[in-house]
Amino acid sequence: MLAGAGAAGNAWELGLIAGLCDAGVDLTGADLVVGTSAGSTVAAQITGSTHPAELYAAVLAEVPHPPSPGGAAHRRGAPNVSGPNYLAWSDTIIATSENAYDMRRRMGAAALEREAANPSDPTRWRDVVAARLPHHDWPRQHLLIAAVDADTGEPVVFDRDSGVDLVDAVAASTSAMTPYRIGEHRYLNGGYRRSENADLAAGFGRVIVLSPFSGRTRMPPQWGMDLASQVAELRAGGSRVETVFPDSRAGDVFGANALDPSTRLPAARGGYDEGLDLAEQLGEFWG
């Protein structure tokens, strides 16, 4: 289970997976891989033929970006979204919603309204996402990518049988304030389905959840969107579950600043070192 958390979360997860792999614990061959938001990019990256060490090395080789004012994510071709603006926009919608479905419906309506006022070219975001993925075909193993239908507020889960290209599925799951169009449908960030979407692993014997935001959620607890609720459901169904959160070595790079590319290098390095340290513990669990 690979949860979202912007540029920082993506880098931390890649680093952690690489560190674990270098220490002898390879998570990339899991029977099921679930990706949410930035985690969907990681999910698509690790389920191809590219070794985790290569993915980690690519992060380390990125040209460093200076910190952006207010945590803005000034990436070429990326939507005009900053951490603080995005949080303020979405927090207002969450606060005025009655339940999770109402929140998803309102979030979709607000994104569609924003899109109508400021039309964007979906091919630009698709090109950005495509450039990040080492392969553009669905892998042989079972990969699920979570999103939300912006028109209806209904949760959506893409897989290789959905009739949707892998690049489009990841682009939809990583969309934020602007909906992503696939055919006649428009989609929003997969984190609005459920924070980590760990519930999609129901029925599997062992589940590892990588949560860059350490299981935290901005949703009211009674909605059951939080990781603790998902873990409880999985364990009640007979699954063994391990959760992994970033430690201090990743730096203070999450929250509103998670979208900022300048966070990627420390997050990746911190994740790698943490993966080395967790290898024995997770190796025993993973078998």
Protein backbone atom coordinates (compact mmCIF):
# COMPACT_ATOMS: atom_id res chain seq x y z
CA MET A 1 0.00 0.00 0.00
CA LEU A 2 1.63 3.21 -1.19
CA ALA A 3 -0.07 6.34 0.10
CA GLY A 4 0.27 9.86 -1.23
CA ALA A 5 2.12 12.92 0.04
CA GLY A 6 3.31 14.94 -2.91
CA ALA A 7 6.91 15.16 -4.10
CA ALA A 8 8.27 14.34 -0.65
CA GLY A 9 6.11 11.26 -0.18
CA ASN A 10 7.06 9.90 -3.57
CA ALA A 11 10.78 10.30 -2.84
CA TRP A 12 10.54 8.84 0.67
CA GLU A 13 8.72 5.74 -0.58
CA LEU A 14 11.22 5.19 -3.39
CA GLY A 15 14.10 5.58 -0.95
CA LEU A 16 12.55 3.24 1.62
CA ILE A 17 11.81 0.54 -0.96
CA ALA A 18 15.35 0.82 -2.33
CA GLY A 19 16.88 0.60 1.14
CA LEU A 20 14.82 -2.46 2.00
CA CYS A 21 15.71 -4.09 -1.31
CA ASP A 22 19.42 -3.44 -0.88
CA ALA A 23 19.14 -5.06 2.56
CA GLY A 24 17.46 -8.14 1.11
CA VAL A 25 13.76 -7.34 1.49
CA ASP A 26 12.10 -6.87 -1.91
CA LEU A 27 8.57 -5.50 -1.71
CA THR A 28 8.22 -5.03 -5.46
CA GLY A 29 7.05 -8.59 -6.06
CA ALA A 30 3.96 -8.30 -3.84
CA ASP A 31 0.86 -10.10 -5.09
CA LEU A 32 -1.03 -6.80 -4.88
CA VAL A 33 0.27 -3.23 -5.10
CA VAL A 34 -2.07 -0.31 -4.38
CA GLY A 35 -1.13 3.26 -5.26
CA THR A 36 -2.80 6.46 -4.10
CA SER A 37 -1.96 9.94 -5.38
CA ALA A 38 1.85 10.31 -5.32
CA GLY A 39 1.97 6.68 -4.23
CA SER A 40 0.36 5.70 -7.53
CA THR A 41 3.45 7.00 -9.30
CA VAL A 42 5.65 4.86 -7.04
CA ALA A 43 3.38 1.86 -7.60
CA ALA A 44 3.73 2.20 -11.37
CA GLN A 45 7.48 2.76 -11.08
CA ILE A 46 8.30 -0.28 -8.93
CA THR A 47 6.11 -2.81 -10.76
CA GLY A 48 8.09 -2.61 -13.97
CA SER A 49 11.52 -3.97 -14.79
CA THR A 50 13.43 -1.04 -13.29
CA HIS A 51 15.30 -2.02 -10.11
CA PRO A 52 14.53 0.04 -6.97
CA ALA A 53 18.19 1.06 -6.78
CA GLU A 54 17.89 2.70 -10.21
CA LEU A 55 14.73 4.57 -9.19
CA TYR A 56 16.44 5.78 -6.03
CA ALA A 57 19.55 6.83 -7.94
CA ALA A 58 17.36 8.83 -10.33
CA VAL A 59 15.96 10.82 -7.39
CA LEU A 60 19.45 11.51 -6.08
CA ALA A 61 20.51 12.68 -9.53
CA GLU A 62 17.73 15.25 -9.82
CA VAL A 63 18.84 18.86 -10.08
CA PRO A 64 18.27 20.40 -6.63
CA HIS A 65 15.49 22.97 -6.42
CA PRO A 66 15.66 25.90 -4.02
CA PRO A 67 12.80 26.02 -1.50
CA SER A 68 9.74 27.54 -3.12
CA PRO A 69 7.86 30.33 -1.31
CA GLY A 70 4.98 28.86 0.67
CA GLY A 71 5.86 25.33 -0.43
CA ALA A 72 4.79 25.95 -4.03
CA ALA A 73 5.45 23.13 -6.45
CA HIS A 74 6.96 24.94 -9.42
CA ARG A 75 7.54 21.94 -11.64
CA ARG A 76 7.62 22.27 -15.40
CA GLY A 77 4.20 21.39 -16.77
CA ALA A 78 2.69 20.72 -13.36
CA PRO A 79 -0.64 22.23 -12.35
CA ASN A 80 -0.45 25.61 -10.64
CA VAL A 81 -0.89 24.26 -7.13
CA SER A 82 0.88 25.19 -3.90
CA GLY A 83 0.69 23.38 -0.59
CA PRO A 84 -0.92 26.17 1.44
CA ASN A 85 -3.40 27.10 -1.30
CA TYR A 86 -4.40 23.50 -1.81
CA LEU A 87 -4.84 22.87 1.91
CA ALA A 88 -6.93 26.00 2.42
CA TRP A 89 -9.10 25.14 -0.59
CA SER A 90 -9.70 21.54 0.41
CA ASP A 91 -10.00 22.20 4.18
CA THR A 92 -12.91 24.56 3.51
CA ILE A 93 -14.72 21.86 1.56
CA ILE A 94 -14.04 19.20 4.18
CA ALA A 95 -15.31 21.46 6.97
CA THR A 96 -18.63 22.06 5.21
CA SER A 97 -19.28 18.42 4.24
CA GLU A 98 -21.62 16.06 6.07
CA ASN A 99 -19.81 12.81 5.32
CA ALA A 100 -17.18 11.29 3.05
CA TYR A 101 -19.49 10.98 0.06
CA ASP A 102 -20.67 14.57 0.45
CA MET A 103 -17.03 15.67 0.68
CA ARG A 104 -16.11 13.84 -2.52
CA ARG A 105 -19.13 15.29 -4.31
CA ARG A 106 -18.34 18.83 -3.15
CA MET A 107 -14.65 18.42 -3.95
CA GLY A 108 -15.50 17.31 -7.46
CA ALA A 109 -17.96 20.17 -7.98
CA ALA A 110 -15.42 22.74 -6.74
CA ALA A 111 -12.69 21.32 -8.98
CA LEU A 112 -15.00 21.35 -12.00
CA GLU A 113 -15.97 24.95 -11.26
CA ARG A 114 -12.32 25.90 -11.00
CA GLU A 115 -11.59 24.10 -14.26
CA ALA A 116 -14.43 25.92 -16.02
CA ALA A 117 -13.01 29.27 -14.93
CA ASN A 118 -9.42 28.33 -15.80
CA PRO A 119 -9.41 25.65 -18.52
CA SER A 120 -6.27 23.53 -18.63
CA ASP A 121 -4.75 21.18 -21.17
CA PRO A 122 -4.82 17.62 -19.75
CA THR A 123 -2.08 16.55 -22.15
CA ARG A 124 0.40 18.72 -20.25
CA TRP A 125 -0.14 16.80 -17.00
CA ARG A 126 -0.21 13.50 -18.87
CA ASP A 127 3.18 14.31 -20.40
CA VAL A 128 4.61 15.13 -16.96
CA VAL A 129 3.33 11.86 -15.50
CA ALA A 130 4.49 9.83 -18.51
CA ALA A 131 8.01 11.22 -18.16
CA ARG A 132 8.16 9.98 -14.56
CA LEU A 133 7.23 6.39 -15.38
CA PRO A 134 9.89 3.99 -16.70
CA HIS A 135 7.17 2.00 -18.49
CA HIS A 136 3.67 2.85 -19.69
CA ASP A 137 2.02 -0.56 -19.76
CA TRP A 138 0.14 -2.18 -16.91
CA PRO A 139 2.37 -4.75 -15.17
CA ARG A 140 1.60 -8.45 -14.98
CA GLN A 141 1.11 -8.34 -11.23
CA HIS A 142 -2.05 -6.98 -9.68
CA LEU A 143 -1.81 -3.17 -9.50
CA LEU A 144 -4.67 -0.96 -8.30
CA ILE A 145 -4.76 2.84 -8.70
CA ALA A 146 -7.33 4.80 -6.67
CA ALA A 147 -9.15 7.93 -7.85
CA VAL A 148 -12.52 9.70 -7.51
CA ASP A 149 -15.02 10.51 -10.26
CA ALA A 150 -15.22 14.32 -10.16
CA ASP A 151 -18.66 14.38 -11.80
CA THR A 152 -20.37 11.99 -9.37
CA GLY A 153 -18.15 11.86 -6.29
CA GLU A 154 -17.99 8.08 -6.60
CA PRO A 155 -14.76 6.26 -5.68
CA VAL A 156 -12.93 4.65 -8.61
CA VAL A 157 -10.25 1.96 -8.71
CA PHE A 158 -8.33 1.44 -11.95
CA ASP A 159 -6.55 -1.77 -12.93
CA ARG A 160 -5.34 -3.36 -16.13
CA ASP A 161 -8.90 -4.44 -16.98
CA SER A 162 -10.38 -0.93 -16.65
CA GLY A 163 -9.73 0.03 -20.26
CA VAL A 164 -7.66 2.99 -19.04
CA ASP A 165 -3.97 3.49 -19.85
CA LEU A 166 -1.60 3.24 -16.90
CA VAL A 167 -0.36 6.79 -17.48
CA ASP A 168 -3.93 8.12 -17.44
CA ALA A 169 -4.74 6.18 -14.25
CA VAL A 170 -1.72 7.67 -12.46
CA ALA A 171 -2.48 11.15 -13.82
CA ALA A 172 -6.03 10.87 -12.48
CA SER A 173 -4.92 9.66 -9.05
CA THR A 174 -2.38 12.47 -8.72
CA SER A 175 -4.70 15.29 -9.81
CA ALA A 176 -5.39 17.91 -7.17
CA MET A 177 -7.45 21.08 -7.61
CA THR A 178 -7.90 20.46 -11.34
CA PRO A 179 -9.81 17.37 -12.54
CA TYR A 180 -8.12 15.06 -15.02
CA ARG A 181 -10.13 14.03 -18.07
CA ILE A 182 -10.18 10.49 -19.46
CA GLY A 183 -12.65 10.27 -22.32
CA GLU A 184 -15.96 11.69 -21.13
CA HIS A 185 -15.08 11.36 -17.44
CA ARG A 186 -13.07 13.58 -15.11
CA TYR A 187 -11.22 12.40 -12.04
CA LEU A 188 -9.71 13.69 -8.81
CA ASN A 189 -7.01 12.61 -6.38
CA GLY A 190 -7.23 9.05 -5.08
CA GLY A 191 -6.67 10.22 -1.50
CA TYR A 192 -10.28 11.37 -1.42
CA ARG A 193 -11.45 7.79 -1.78
CA ARG A 194 -9.67 6.95 1.46
CA SER A 195 -6.42 8.27 2.86
CA GLU A 196 -4.25 5.20 2.15
CA ASN A 197 -6.84 2.94 0.48
CA ALA A 198 -5.41 0.04 2.47
CA ASP A 199 -8.88 -1.50 2.58
CA LEU A 200 -8.33 -2.59 -1.03
CA ALA A 201 -5.99 -5.27 0.33
CA ALA A 202 -8.85 -7.04 2.17
CA GLY A 203 -8.37 -10.80 1.99
CA PHE A 204 -4.59 -10.72 1.67
CA GLY A 205 -2.63 -12.43 4.43
CA ARG A 206 0.14 -9.85 4.91
CA VAL A 207 -0.15 -6.14 4.21
CA ILE A 208 2.53 -3.45 4.46
CA VAL A 209 1.34 0.15 4.33
CA LEU A 210 3.77 2.97 3.57
CA SER A 211 2.16 6.16 4.89
CA PRO A 212 4.26 9.32 4.40
CA PHE A 213 1.80 11.33 6.52
CA SER A 214 2.15 8.79 9.36
CA GLY A 215 -1.50 7.82 9.27
CA ARG A 216 -2.72 11.36 9.84
CA THR A 217 -5.83 12.63 8.10
CA ARG A 218 -7.66 15.94 7.80
CA MET A 219 -11.01 14.14 7.66
CA PRO A 220 -13.28 13.86 10.71
CA PRO A 221 -12.62 10.55 12.51
CA GLN A 222 -16.26 9.47 12.29
CA TRP A 223 -15.90 9.21 8.52
CA GLY A 224 -13.50 6.28 8.87
CA MET A 225 -11.11 7.65 6.24
CA ASP A 226 -8.07 7.33 8.54
CA LEU A 227 -5.42 4.63 8.39
CA ALA A 228 -6.23 3.27 11.88
CA SER A 229 -9.77 2.43 10.76
CA GLN A 230 -8.48 0.72 7.64
CA VAL A 231 -5.94 -1.31 9.59
CA ALA A 232 -8.60 -2.36 12.10
CA GLU A 233 -10.82 -3.55 9.25
CA LEU A 234 -8.00 -5.52 7.65
CA ARG A 235 -7.04 -7.19 10.93
CA ALA A 236 -10.66 -8.01 11.67
CA GLY A 237 -10.72 -9.79 8.32
CA GLY A 238 -7.69 -11.88 9.23
CA SER A 239 -4.87 -9.87 7.61
CA ARG A 240 -1.58 -9.20 9.36
CA VAL A 241 -0.68 -5.55 8.90
CA GLU A 242 2.50 -3.51 9.32
CA THR A 243 2.52 0.27 8.91
CA VAL A 244 5.66 2.25 8.10
CA PHE A 245 5.99 5.99 8.79
CA PRO A 246 8.88 8.38 8.07
CA ASP A 247 11.32 9.03 10.88
CA SER A 248 13.28 12.20 11.59
CA ARG A 249 15.93 11.42 8.98
CA ALA A 250 13.50 12.33 6.19
CA GLY A 251 13.43 15.89 7.52
CA ASP A 252 10.45 18.09 8.23
CA VAL A 253 9.24 17.84 4.66
CA PHE A 254 5.59 16.83 4.93
CA GLY A 255 2.36 18.73 5.55
CA ALA A 256 1.99 21.83 3.38
CA ASN A 257 5.58 21.51 2.08
CA ALA A 258 5.16 17.99 0.71
CA LEU A 259 4.45 19.38 -2.75
CA ASP A 260 7.75 21.25 -2.87
CA PRO A 261 10.40 19.54 -5.04
CA SER A 262 13.16 20.80 -2.73
CA THR A 263 12.00 18.20 -0.19
CA ARG A 264 12.75 15.23 -2.41
CA LEU A 265 16.44 14.71 -1.75
CA PRO A 266 16.29 14.61 2.07
CA ALA A 267 13.11 12.55 1.96
CA ALA A 268 14.67 9.97 -0.36
CA ARG A 269 17.88 9.70 1.65
CA GLY A 270 15.98 9.46 4.91
CA GLY A 271 13.73 6.78 3.45
CA TYR A 272 16.70 4.77 2.20
CA ASP A 273 18.44 4.79 5.58
CA GLU A 274 15.20 3.89 7.31
CA GLY A 275 14.71 1.00 4.88
CA LEU A 276 18.12 -0.39 5.77
CA ASP A 277 17.27 -0.20 9.47
CA LEU A 278 13.82 -1.78 9.08
CA ALA A 279 14.96 -4.64 6.87
CA GLU A 280 15.30 -7.21 9.63
CA GLN A 281 11.95 -6.39 11.21
CA LEU A 282 10.02 -6.23 7.95
CA GLY A 283 11.91 -9.18 6.51
CA GLU A 284 10.59 -11.41 9.28
CA PHE A 285 7.06 -10.14 8.67
CA TRP A 286 7.25 -10.36 4.88
CA GLY A 287 8.87 -13.76 4.86
